[in-house]
Amino acid sequence: MRKTTIVILLLLVLAVVAYTTNPTMDHFSDFAQKKIEQEVEAEYTRLLAWIAGGLAKVSMKAFTSRRDYKLYSIYTVALPDQEPTVVLGLFGRFIPMSPIGSQ
């Protein structure tokens, strides 16, 4: 009986933490901006990375849909002429479920 209560309480705490740290669309836009800046800076210059990141953040909402499951969110980025990229948002983090930047 005691073990069951502890497990239930731990699951409840985990669910509350997941709910309160479920990333928003703004958080995802920030994540995408940083990711693009890192990739561009690795290939080009910091200034170009900054510009590309800013443009990406502004346009990201137009190409991204969010499915909010309250404890986590799934983001789908559908850019023209590319396979959609799916990213899991959980505990304030983003986990790519399909390759980012493939193609």
PDB file of N, CA and C in Angstrom:
ATOM      1  N   MET A   1       0.827  -1.192   0.000  1.00  0.00           N
ATOM      2  CA  MET A   1       0.000   0.000   0.000  1.00  0.00           C
ATOM      3  C   MET A   1       0.870   1.253   0.000  1.00  0.00           C
ATOM      4  N   ARG A   2       1.897   1.263   0.799  1.00  0.00           N
ATOM      5  CA  ARG A   2       2.766   2.434   0.910  1.00  0.00           C
ATOM      6  C   ARG A   2       3.517   2.689  -0.390  1.00  0.00           C
ATOM      7  N   LYS A   3       4.004   1.629  -1.044  1.00  0.00           N
ATOM      8  CA  LYS A   3       4.713   1.787  -2.308  1.00  0.00           C
ATOM      9  C   LYS A   3       3.788   2.360  -3.379  1.00  0.00           C
ATOM     10  N   THR A   4       2.579   1.919  -3.401  1.00  0.00           N
ATOM     11  CA  THR A   4       1.612   2.409  -4.378  1.00  0.00           C
ATOM     12  C   THR A   4       1.364   3.902  -4.189  1.00  0.00           C
ATOM     13  N   THR A   5       1.226   4.329  -2.968  1.00  0.00           N
ATOM     14  CA  THR A   5       1.006   5.747  -2.666  1.00  0.00           C
ATOM     15  C   THR A   5       2.205   6.581  -3.110  1.00  0.00           C
ATOM     16  N   ILE A   6       3.402   6.098  -2.859  1.00  0.00           N
ATOM     17  CA  ILE A   6       4.609   6.822  -3.249  1.00  0.00           C
ATOM     18  C   ILE A   6       4.698   6.928  -4.773  1.00  0.00           C
ATOM     19  N   VAL A   7       4.406   5.843  -5.458  1.00  0.00           N
ATOM     20  CA  VAL A   7       4.449   5.851  -6.919  1.00  0.00           C
ATOM     21  C   VAL A   7       3.424   6.829  -7.476  1.00  0.00           C
ATOM     22  N   ILE A   8       2.228   6.820  -6.926  1.00  0.00           N
ATOM     23  CA  ILE A   8       1.178   7.734  -7.384  1.00  0.00           C
ATOM     24  C   ILE A   8       1.586   9.183  -7.129  1.00  0.00           C
ATOM     25  N   LEU A   9       2.142   9.465  -5.966  1.00  0.00           N
ATOM     26  CA  LEU A   9       2.592  10.823  -5.668  1.00  0.00           C
ATOM     27  C   LEU A   9       3.726  11.262  -6.598  1.00  0.00           C
ATOM     28  N   LEU A  10       4.663  10.374  -6.870  1.00  0.00           N
ATOM     29  CA  LEU A  10       5.753  10.705  -7.794  1.00  0.00           C
ATOM     30  C   LEU A  10       5.228  10.980  -9.200  1.00  0.00           C
ATOM     31  N   LEU A  11       4.284  10.171  -9.655  1.00  0.00           N
ATOM     32  CA  LEU A  11       3.685  10.390 -10.969  1.00  0.00           C
ATOM     33  C   LEU A  11       2.919  11.711 -11.015  1.00  0.00           C
ATOM     34  N   LEU A  12       2.244  12.033  -9.939  1.00  0.00           N
ATOM     35  CA  LEU A  12       1.515  13.297  -9.858  1.00  0.00           C
ATOM     36  C   LEU A  12       2.479  14.482  -9.906  1.00  0.00           C
ATOM     37  N   VAL A  13       3.571  14.408  -9.157  1.00  0.00           N
ATOM     38  CA  VAL A  13       4.574  15.475  -9.171  1.00  0.00           C
ATOM     39  C   VAL A  13       5.182  15.604 -10.569  1.00  0.00           C
ATOM     40  N   LEU A  14       5.494  14.482 -11.187  1.00  0.00           N
ATOM     41  CA  LEU A  14       6.050  14.491 -12.538  1.00  0.00           C
ATOM     42  C   LEU A  14       5.077  15.134 -13.529  1.00  0.00           C
ATOM     43  N   ALA A  15       3.809  14.823 -13.410  1.00  0.00           N
ATOM     44  CA  ALA A  15       2.795  15.404 -14.295  1.00  0.00           C
ATOM     45  C   ALA A  15       2.678  16.913 -14.079  1.00  0.00           C
ATOM     46  N   VAL A  16       2.723  17.363 -12.840  1.00  0.00           N
ATOM     47  CA  VAL A  16       2.645  18.798 -12.553  1.00  0.00           C
ATOM     48  C   VAL A  16       3.864  19.521 -13.128  1.00  0.00           C
ATOM     49  N   VAL A  17       5.038  18.942 -12.968  1.00  0.00           N
ATOM     50  CA  VAL A  17       6.263  19.546 -13.517  1.00  0.00           C
ATOM     51  C   VAL A  17       6.185  19.583 -15.045  1.00  0.00           C
ATOM     52  N   ALA A  18       5.736  18.503 -15.661  1.00  0.00           N
ATOM     53  CA  ALA A  18       5.604  18.469 -17.120  1.00  0.00           C
ATOM     54  C   ALA A  18       4.615  19.524 -17.594  1.00  0.00           C
ATOM     55  N   TYR A  19       3.510  19.680 -16.888  1.00  0.00           N
ATOM     56  CA  TYR A  19       2.491  20.669 -17.263  1.00  0.00           C
ATOM     57  C   TYR A  19       3.041  22.085 -17.171  1.00  0.00           C
ATOM     58  N   THR A  20       3.751  22.380 -16.094  1.00  0.00           N
ATOM     59  CA  THR A  20       4.237  23.747 -15.899  1.00  0.00           C
ATOM     60  C   THR A  20       5.442  24.087 -16.771  1.00  0.00           C
ATOM     61  N   THR A  21       6.135  23.083 -17.280  1.00  0.00           N
ATOM     62  CA  THR A  21       7.304  23.340 -18.130  1.00  0.00           C
ATOM     63  C   THR A  21       7.038  23.016 -19.598  1.00  0.00           C
ATOM     64  N   ASN A  22       5.783  22.792 -19.955  1.00  0.00           N
ATOM     65  CA  ASN A  22       5.421  22.527 -21.348  1.00  0.00           C
ATOM     66  C   ASN A  22       5.757  23.773 -22.177  1.00  0.00           C
ATOM     67  N   PRO A  23       6.685  23.667 -23.144  1.00  0.00           N
ATOM     68  CA  PRO A  23       7.115  24.858 -23.881  1.00  0.00           C
ATOM     69  C   PRO A  23       6.021  25.443 -24.769  1.00  0.00           C
ATOM     70  N   THR A  24       6.021  26.768 -24.860  1.00  0.00           N
ATOM     71  CA  THR A  24       5.051  27.489 -25.689  1.00  0.00           C
ATOM     72  C   THR A  24       5.604  27.675 -27.098  1.00  0.00           C
ATOM     73  N   MET A  25       4.795  28.243 -27.974  1.00  0.00           N
ATOM     74  CA  MET A  25       5.241  28.543 -29.331  1.00  0.00           C
ATOM     75  C   MET A  25       6.378  29.567 -29.307  1.00  0.00           C
ATOM     76  N   ASP A  26       6.336  30.526 -28.379  1.00  0.00           N
ATOM     77  CA  ASP A  26       7.429  31.503 -28.259  1.00  0.00           C
ATOM     78  C   ASP A  26       8.736  30.817 -27.877  1.00  0.00           C
ATOM     79  N   HIS A  27       8.658  29.846 -26.969  1.00  0.00           N
ATOM     80  CA  HIS A  27       9.854  29.084 -26.603  1.00  0.00           C
ATOM     81  C   HIS A  27      10.403  28.330 -27.821  1.00  0.00           C
ATOM     82  N   PHE A  28       9.493  27.769 -28.609  1.00  0.00           N
ATOM     83  CA  PHE A  28       9.940  27.046 -29.798  1.00  0.00           C
ATOM     84  C   PHE A  28      10.594  27.987 -30.805  1.00  0.00           C
ATOM     85  N   SER A  29      10.041  29.179 -30.971  1.00  0.00           N
ATOM     86  CA  SER A  29      10.634  30.152 -31.886  1.00  0.00           C
ATOM     87  C   SER A  29      12.048  30.529 -31.441  1.00  0.00           C
ATOM     88  N   ASP A  30      12.234  30.697 -30.129  1.00  0.00           N
ATOM     89  CA  ASP A  30      13.571  30.988 -29.597  1.00  0.00           C
ATOM     90  C   ASP A  30      14.530  29.826 -29.872  1.00  0.00           C
ATOM     91  N   PHE A  31      14.056  28.600 -29.663  1.00  0.00           N
ATOM     92  CA  PHE A  31      14.864  27.411 -29.929  1.00  0.00           C
ATOM     93  C   PHE A  31      15.274  27.356 -31.400  1.00  0.00           C
ATOM     94  N   ALA A  32      14.313  27.569 -32.294  1.00  0.00           N
ATOM     95  CA  ALA A  32      14.592  27.506 -33.731  1.00  0.00           C
ATOM     96  C   ALA A  32      15.574  28.602 -34.135  1.00  0.00           C
ATOM     97  N   GLN A  33      15.403  29.788 -33.578  1.00  0.00           N
ATOM     98  CA  GLN A  33      16.313  30.890 -33.881  1.00  0.00           C
ATOM     99  C   GLN A  33      17.744  30.533 -33.495  1.00  0.00           C
ATOM    100  N   LYS A  34      17.935  30.017 -32.298  1.00  0.00           N
ATOM    101  CA  LYS A  34      19.274  29.652 -31.839  1.00  0.00           C
ATOM    102  C   LYS A  34      19.868  28.527 -32.683  1.00  0.00           C
ATOM    103  N   LYS A  35      19.044  27.549 -33.032  1.00  0.00           N
ATOM    104  CA  LYS A  35      19.510  26.424 -33.847  1.00  0.00           C
ATOM    105  C   LYS A  35      19.984  26.904 -35.220  1.00  0.00           C
ATOM    106  N   ILE A  36      19.208  27.763 -35.838  1.00  0.00           N
ATOM    107  CA  ILE A  36      19.573  28.278 -37.153  1.00  0.00           C
ATOM    108  C   ILE A  36      20.816  29.159 -37.059  1.00  0.00           C
ATOM    109  N   GLU A  37      20.892  29.994 -36.023  1.00  0.00           N
ATOM    110  CA  GLU A  37      22.080  30.832 -35.838  1.00  0.00           C
ATOM    111  C   GLU A  37      23.338  29.971 -35.699  1.00  0.00           C
ATOM    112  N   GLN A  38      23.249  28.879 -34.944  1.00  0.00           N
ATOM    113  CA  GLN A  38      24.404  27.998 -34.760  1.00  0.00           C
ATOM    114  C   GLN A  38      24.833  27.370 -36.086  1.00  0.00           C
ATOM    115  N   GLU A  39      23.864  26.905 -36.864  1.00  0.00           N
ATOM    116  CA  GLU A  39      24.190  26.254 -38.133  1.00  0.00           C
ATOM    117  C   GLU A  39      24.776  27.240 -39.144  1.00  0.00           C
ATOM    118  N   VAL A  40      24.216  28.446 -39.214  1.00  0.00           N
ATOM    119  CA  VAL A  40      24.721  29.441 -40.160  1.00  0.00           C
ATOM    120  C   VAL A  40      26.098  29.936 -39.725  1.00  0.00           C
ATOM    121  N   GLU A  41      26.273  30.158 -38.425  1.00  0.00           N
ATOM    122  CA  GLU A  41      27.561  30.646 -37.931  1.00  0.00           C
ATOM    123  C   GLU A  41      28.679  29.627 -38.178  1.00  0.00           C
ATOM    124  N   ALA A  42      28.362  28.349 -38.122  1.00  0.00           N
ATOM    125  CA  ALA A  42      29.360  27.317 -38.380  1.00  0.00           C
ATOM    126  C   ALA A  42      29.844  27.362 -39.834  1.00  0.00           C
ATOM    127  N   GLU A  43      28.970  27.799 -40.738  1.00  0.00           N
ATOM    128  CA  GLU A  43      29.310  27.840 -42.157  1.00  0.00           C
ATOM    129  C   GLU A  43      29.741  29.232 -42.632  1.00  0.00           C
ATOM    130  N   TYR A  44      29.220  30.278 -42.013  1.00  0.00           N
ATOM    131  CA  TYR A  44      29.438  31.628 -42.523  1.00  0.00           C
ATOM    132  C   TYR A  44      29.944  32.540 -41.401  1.00  0.00           C
ATOM    133  N   THR A  45      29.328  33.714 -41.238  1.00  0.00           N
ATOM    134  CA  THR A  45      29.786  34.672 -40.232  1.00  0.00           C
ATOM    135  C   THR A  45      28.740  34.859 -39.141  1.00  0.00           C
ATOM    136  N   ARG A  46      29.181  35.455 -38.055  1.00  0.00           N
ATOM    137  CA  ARG A  46      28.280  35.713 -36.930  1.00  0.00           C
ATOM    138  C   ARG A  46      27.168  36.692 -37.323  1.00  0.00           C
ATOM    139  N   LEU A  47      27.496  37.722 -38.109  1.00  0.00           N
ATOM    140  CA  LEU A  47      26.500  38.702 -38.541  1.00  0.00           C
ATOM    141  C   LEU A  47      25.429  38.039 -39.391  1.00  0.00           C
ATOM    142  N   LEU A  48      25.839  37.218 -40.326  1.00  0.00           N
ATOM    143  CA  LEU A  48      24.871  36.510 -41.168  1.00  0.00           C
ATOM    144  C   LEU A  48      24.026  35.561 -40.325  1.00  0.00           C
ATOM    145  N   ALA A  49      24.637  34.929 -39.337  1.00  0.00           N
ATOM    146  CA  ALA A  49      23.892  34.035 -38.438  1.00  0.00           C
ATOM    147  C   ALA A  49      22.848  34.810 -37.662  1.00  0.00           C
ATOM    148  N   TRP A  50      23.196  35.987 -37.194  1.00  0.00           N
ATOM    149  CA  TRP A  50      22.272  36.832 -36.427  1.00  0.00           C
ATOM    150  C   TRP A  50      21.088  37.238 -37.297  1.00  0.00           C
ATOM    151  N   ILE A  51      21.370  37.627 -38.550  1.00  0.00           N
ATOM    152  CA  ILE A  51      20.301  38.029 -39.470  1.00  0.00           C
ATOM    153  C   ILE A  51      19.397  36.839 -39.790  1.00  0.00           C
ATOM    154  N   ALA A  52      20.007  35.696 -40.106  1.00  0.00           N
ATOM    155  CA  ALA A  52      19.220  34.500 -40.434  1.00  0.00           C
ATOM    156  C   ALA A  52      18.371  34.057 -39.254  1.00  0.00           C
ATOM    157  N   GLY A  53      18.939  34.114 -38.056  1.00  0.00           N
ATOM    158  CA  GLY A  53      18.179  33.737 -36.867  1.00  0.00           C
ATOM    159  C   GLY A  53      16.997  34.646 -36.625  1.00  0.00           C
ATOM    160  N   GLY A  54      17.195  35.944 -36.818  1.00  0.00           N
ATOM    161  CA  GLY A  54      16.097  36.900 -36.649  1.00  0.00           C
ATOM    162  C   GLY A  54      14.987  36.681 -37.653  1.00  0.00           C
ATOM    163  N   LEU A  55      15.367  36.442 -38.905  1.00  0.00           N
ATOM    164  CA  LEU A  55      14.359  36.157 -39.936  1.00  0.00           C
ATOM    165  C   LEU A  55      13.616  34.861 -39.629  1.00  0.00           C
ATOM    166  N   ALA A  56      14.344  33.869 -39.160  1.00  0.00           N
ATOM    167  CA  ALA A  56      13.723  32.584 -38.835  1.00  0.00           C
ATOM    168  C   ALA A  56      12.710  32.740 -37.710  1.00  0.00           C
ATOM    169  N   LYS A  57      13.069  33.516 -36.687  1.00  0.00           N
ATOM    170  CA  LYS A  57      12.156  33.688 -35.555  1.00  0.00           C
ATOM    171  C   LYS A  57      10.865  34.371 -35.994  1.00  0.00           C
ATOM    172  N   VAL A  58      10.986  35.371 -36.860  1.00  0.00           N
ATOM    173  CA  VAL A  58       9.810  36.096 -37.328  1.00  0.00           C
ATOM    174  C   VAL A  58       8.906  35.200 -38.178  1.00  0.00           C
ATOM    175  N   SER A  59       9.503  34.385 -39.040  1.00  0.00           N
ATOM    176  CA  SER A  59       8.706  33.574 -39.969  1.00  0.00           C
ATOM    177  C   SER A  59       8.349  32.192 -39.425  1.00  0.00           C
ATOM    178  N   MET A  60       8.953  31.775 -38.317  1.00  0.00           N
ATOM    179  CA  MET A  60       8.755  30.411 -37.807  1.00  0.00           C
ATOM    180  C   MET A  60       7.283  30.108 -37.506  1.00  0.00           C
ATOM    181  N   LYS A  61       6.568  31.060 -36.951  1.00  0.00           N
ATOM    182  CA  LYS A  61       5.171  30.802 -36.588  1.00  0.00           C
ATOM    183  C   LYS A  61       4.294  30.525 -37.808  1.00  0.00           C
ATOM    184  N   ALA A  62       4.671  31.096 -38.958  1.00  0.00           N
ATOM    185  CA  ALA A  62       3.881  30.877 -40.174  1.00  0.00           C
ATOM    186  C   ALA A  62       4.025  29.449 -40.696  1.00  0.00           C
ATOM    187  N   PHE A  63       5.169  28.819 -40.409  1.00  0.00           N
ATOM    188  CA  PHE A  63       5.445  27.482 -40.940  1.00  0.00           C
ATOM    189  C   PHE A  63       5.313  26.375 -39.896  1.00  0.00           C
ATOM    190  N   THR A  64       4.961  26.743 -38.675  1.00  0.00           N
ATOM    191  CA  THR A  64       4.952  25.773 -37.583  1.00  0.00           C
ATOM    192  C   THR A  64       3.557  25.606 -37.010  1.00  0.00           C
ATOM    193  N   SER A  65       3.188  24.353 -36.795  1.00  0.00           N
ATOM    194  CA  SER A  65       1.939  24.069 -36.070  1.00  0.00           C
ATOM    195  C   SER A  65       2.306  23.395 -34.752  1.00  0.00           C
ATOM    196  N   ARG A  66       1.517  23.676 -33.733  1.00  0.00           N
ATOM    197  CA  ARG A  66       1.756  23.114 -32.403  1.00  0.00           C
ATOM    198  C   ARG A  66       0.539  22.328 -31.966  1.00  0.00           C
ATOM    199  N   ARG A  67       0.777  21.100 -31.532  1.00  0.00           N
ATOM    200  CA  ARG A  67      -0.279  20.303 -30.910  1.00  0.00           C
ATOM    201  C   ARG A  67       0.055  20.248 -29.426  1.00  0.00           C
ATOM    202  N   ASP A  68      -0.792  20.842 -28.632  1.00  0.00           N
ATOM    203  CA  ASP A  68      -0.567  20.954 -27.193  1.00  0.00           C
ATOM    204  C   ASP A  68      -1.319  19.836 -26.481  1.00  0.00           C
ATOM    205  N   TYR A  69      -0.549  18.947 -25.833  1.00  0.00           N
ATOM    206  CA  TYR A  69      -1.139  17.845 -25.082  1.00  0.00           C
ATOM    207  C   TYR A  69      -1.055  18.091 -23.574  1.00  0.00           C
ATOM    208  N   LYS A  70      -0.881  19.355 -23.202  1.00  0.00           N
ATOM    209  CA  LYS A  70      -0.827  19.841 -21.819  1.00  0.00           C
ATOM    210  C   LYS A  70       0.437  19.428 -21.069  1.00  0.00           C
ATOM    211  N   LEU A  71       0.878  18.187 -21.168  1.00  0.00           N
ATOM    212  CA  LEU A  71       2.106  17.756 -20.498  1.00  0.00           C
ATOM    213  C   LEU A  71       3.307  17.867 -21.432  1.00  0.00           C
ATOM    214  N   TYR A  72       3.052  17.903 -22.720  1.00  0.00           N
ATOM    215  CA  TYR A  72       4.090  18.058 -23.736  1.00  0.00           C
ATOM    216  C   TYR A  72       3.426  18.624 -24.986  1.00  0.00           C
ATOM    217  N   SER A  73       4.248  19.088 -25.918  1.00  0.00           N
ATOM    218  CA  SER A  73       3.735  19.603 -27.183  1.00  0.00           C
ATOM    219  C   SER A  73       4.532  18.995 -28.328  1.00  0.00           C
ATOM    220  N   ILE A  74       3.873  18.868 -29.472  1.00  0.00           N
ATOM    221  CA  ILE A  74       4.536  18.404 -30.678  1.00  0.00           C
ATOM    222  C   ILE A  74       4.446  19.526 -31.709  1.00  0.00           C
ATOM    223  N   TYR A  75       5.610  19.925 -32.199  1.00  0.00           N
ATOM    224  CA  TYR A  75       5.722  20.994 -33.181  1.00  0.00           C
ATOM    225  C   TYR A  75       6.066  20.378 -34.528  1.00  0.00           C
ATOM    226  N   THR A  76       5.367  20.822 -35.576  1.00  0.00           N
ATOM    227  CA  THR A  76       5.648  20.367 -36.930  1.00  0.00           C
ATOM    228  C   THR A  76       5.985  21.586 -37.768  1.00  0.00           C
ATOM    229  N   VAL A  77       7.203  21.601 -38.300  1.00  0.00           N
ATOM    230  CA  VAL A  77       7.653  22.695 -39.155  1.00  0.00           C
ATOM    231  C   VAL A  77       7.564  22.205 -40.588  1.00  0.00           C
ATOM    232  N   ALA A  78       6.706  22.857 -41.371  1.00  0.00           N
ATOM    233  CA  ALA A  78       6.488  22.457 -42.768  1.00  0.00           C
ATOM    234  C   ALA A  78       6.958  23.582 -43.684  1.00  0.00           C
ATOM    235  N   LEU A  79       8.224  23.524 -44.065  1.00  0.00           N
ATOM    236  CA  LEU A  79       8.774  24.505 -44.997  1.00  0.00           C
ATOM    237  C   LEU A  79       8.480  24.061 -46.421  1.00  0.00           C
ATOM    238  N   PRO A  80       8.287  25.010 -47.336  1.00  0.00           N
ATOM    239  CA  PRO A  80       8.020  24.637 -48.726  1.00  0.00           C
ATOM    240  C   PRO A  80       9.158  23.787 -49.306  1.00  0.00           C
ATOM    241  N   ASP A  81       8.800  22.791 -50.065  1.00  0.00           N
ATOM    242  CA  ASP A  81       9.753  21.913 -50.769  1.00  0.00           C
ATOM    243  C   ASP A  81      10.660  21.122 -49.842  1.00  0.00           C
ATOM    244  N   GLN A  82      10.248  20.893 -48.607  1.00  0.00           N
ATOM    245  CA  GLN A  82      11.029  20.081 -47.677  1.00  0.00           C
ATOM    246  C   GLN A  82      10.102  19.157 -46.894  1.00  0.00           C
ATOM    247  N   GLU A  83      10.681  18.064 -46.429  1.00  0.00           N
ATOM    248  CA  GLU A  83       9.932  17.167 -45.559  1.00  0.00           C
ATOM    249  C   GLU A  83       9.651  17.891 -44.243  1.00  0.00           C
ATOM    250  N   PRO A  84       8.486  17.709 -43.651  1.00  0.00           N
ATOM    251  CA  PRO A  84       8.210  18.348 -42.364  1.00  0.00           C
ATOM    252  C   PRO A  84       9.171  17.856 -41.278  1.00  0.00           C
ATOM    253  N   THR A  85       9.520  18.754 -40.392  1.00  0.00           N
ATOM    254  CA  THR A  85      10.359  18.434 -39.248  1.00  0.00           C
ATOM    255  C   THR A  85       9.466  18.392 -38.022  1.00  0.00           C
ATOM    256  N   VAL A  86       9.565  17.314 -37.247  1.00  0.00           N
ATOM    257  CA  VAL A  86       8.742  17.144 -36.046  1.00  0.00           C
ATOM    258  C   VAL A  86       9.647  17.235 -34.820  1.00  0.00           C
ATOM    259  N   VAL A  87       9.226  18.061 -33.851  1.00  0.00           N
ATOM    260  CA  VAL A  87      10.010  18.280 -32.638  1.00  0.00           C
ATOM    261  C   VAL A  87       9.094  18.118 -31.431  1.00  0.00           C
ATOM    262  N   LEU A  88       9.560  17.367 -30.444  1.00  0.00           N
ATOM    263  CA  LEU A  88       8.834  17.164 -29.190  1.00  0.00           C
ATOM    264  C   LEU A  88       9.290  18.203 -28.185  1.00  0.00           C
ATOM    265  N   GLY A  89       8.349  18.907 -27.579  1.00  0.00           N
ATOM    266  CA  GLY A  89       8.647  19.855 -26.508  1.00  0.00           C
ATOM    267  C   GLY A  89       8.212  19.257 -25.189  1.00  0.00           C
ATOM    268  N   LEU A  90       9.179  19.039 -24.291  1.00  0.00           N
ATOM    269  CA  LEU A  90       8.889  18.352 -23.032  1.00  0.00           C
ATOM    270  C   LEU A  90       9.839  18.856 -21.952  1.00  0.00           C
ATOM    271  N   PHE A  91       9.318  19.202 -20.791  1.00  0.00           N
ATOM    272  CA  PHE A  91      10.125  19.682 -19.664  1.00  0.00           C
ATOM    273  C   PHE A  91      11.007  20.869 -20.054  1.00  0.00           C
ATOM    274  N   GLY A  92      10.472  21.767 -20.877  1.00  0.00           N
ATOM    275  CA  GLY A  92      11.213  22.954 -21.273  1.00  0.00           C
ATOM    276  C   GLY A  92      12.316  22.691 -22.284  1.00  0.00           C
ATOM    277  N   ARG A  93      12.370  21.506 -22.838  1.00  0.00           N
ATOM    278  CA  ARG A  93      13.400  21.111 -23.808  1.00  0.00           C
ATOM    279  C   ARG A  93      12.733  20.741 -25.132  1.00  0.00           C
ATOM    280  N   PHE A  94      13.562  20.720 -26.172  1.00  0.00           N
ATOM    281  CA  PHE A  94      13.077  20.337 -27.501  1.00  0.00           C
ATOM    282  C   PHE A  94      13.897  19.158 -28.003  1.00  0.00           C
ATOM    283  N   ILE A  95      13.190  18.132 -28.443  1.00  0.00           N
ATOM    284  CA  ILE A  95      13.830  16.897 -28.903  1.00  0.00           C
ATOM    285  C   ILE A  95      13.370  16.653 -30.342  1.00  0.00           C
ATOM    286  N   PRO A  96      14.289  16.783 -31.314  1.00  0.00           N
ATOM    287  CA  PRO A  96      13.909  16.512 -32.701  1.00  0.00           C
ATOM    288  C   PRO A  96      13.511  15.042 -32.878  1.00  0.00           C
ATOM    289  N   MET A  97      12.352  14.837 -33.470  1.00  0.00           N
ATOM    290  CA  MET A  97      11.860  13.477 -33.716  1.00  0.00           C
ATOM    291  C   MET A  97      12.125  13.083 -35.169  1.00  0.00           C
ATOM    292  N   SER A  98      12.383  14.069 -36.011  1.00  0.00           N
ATOM    293  CA  SER A  98      12.821  13.821 -37.380  1.00  0.00           C
ATOM    294  C   SER A  98      13.995  14.758 -37.610  1.00  0.00           C
ATOM    295  N   PRO A  99      14.868  14.422 -38.530  1.00  0.00           N
ATOM    296  CA  PRO A  99      16.084  15.226 -38.711  1.00  0.00           C
ATOM    297  C   PRO A  99      15.805  16.685 -39.008  1.00  0.00           C
ATOM    298  N   ILE A 100      16.490  17.576 -38.306  1.00  0.00           N
ATOM    299  CA  ILE A 100      16.391  19.001 -38.580  1.00  0.00           C
ATOM    300  C   ILE A 100      17.407  19.315 -39.658  1.00  0.00           C
ATOM    301  N   GLY A 101      16.944  20.009 -40.684  1.00  0.00           N
ATOM    302  CA  GLY A 101      17.847  20.405 -41.748  1.00  0.00           C
ATOM    303  C   GLY A 101      18.166  19.304 -42.732  1.00  0.00           C
ATOM    304  N   SER A 102      17.370  18.230 -42.767  1.00  0.00           N
ATOM    305  CA  SER A 102      17.619  17.189 -43.771  1.00  0.00           C
ATOM    306  C   SER A 102      17.146  17.729 -45.116  1.00  0.00           C
ATOM    307  N   GLN A 103      17.903  17.461 -46.124  1.00  0.00           N
ATOM    308  CA  GLN A 103      17.705  17.914 -47.511  1.00  0.00           C
ATOM    309  C   GLN A 103      18.465  19.137 -47.776  1.00  0.00           C
TER     310      GLN A 103
END
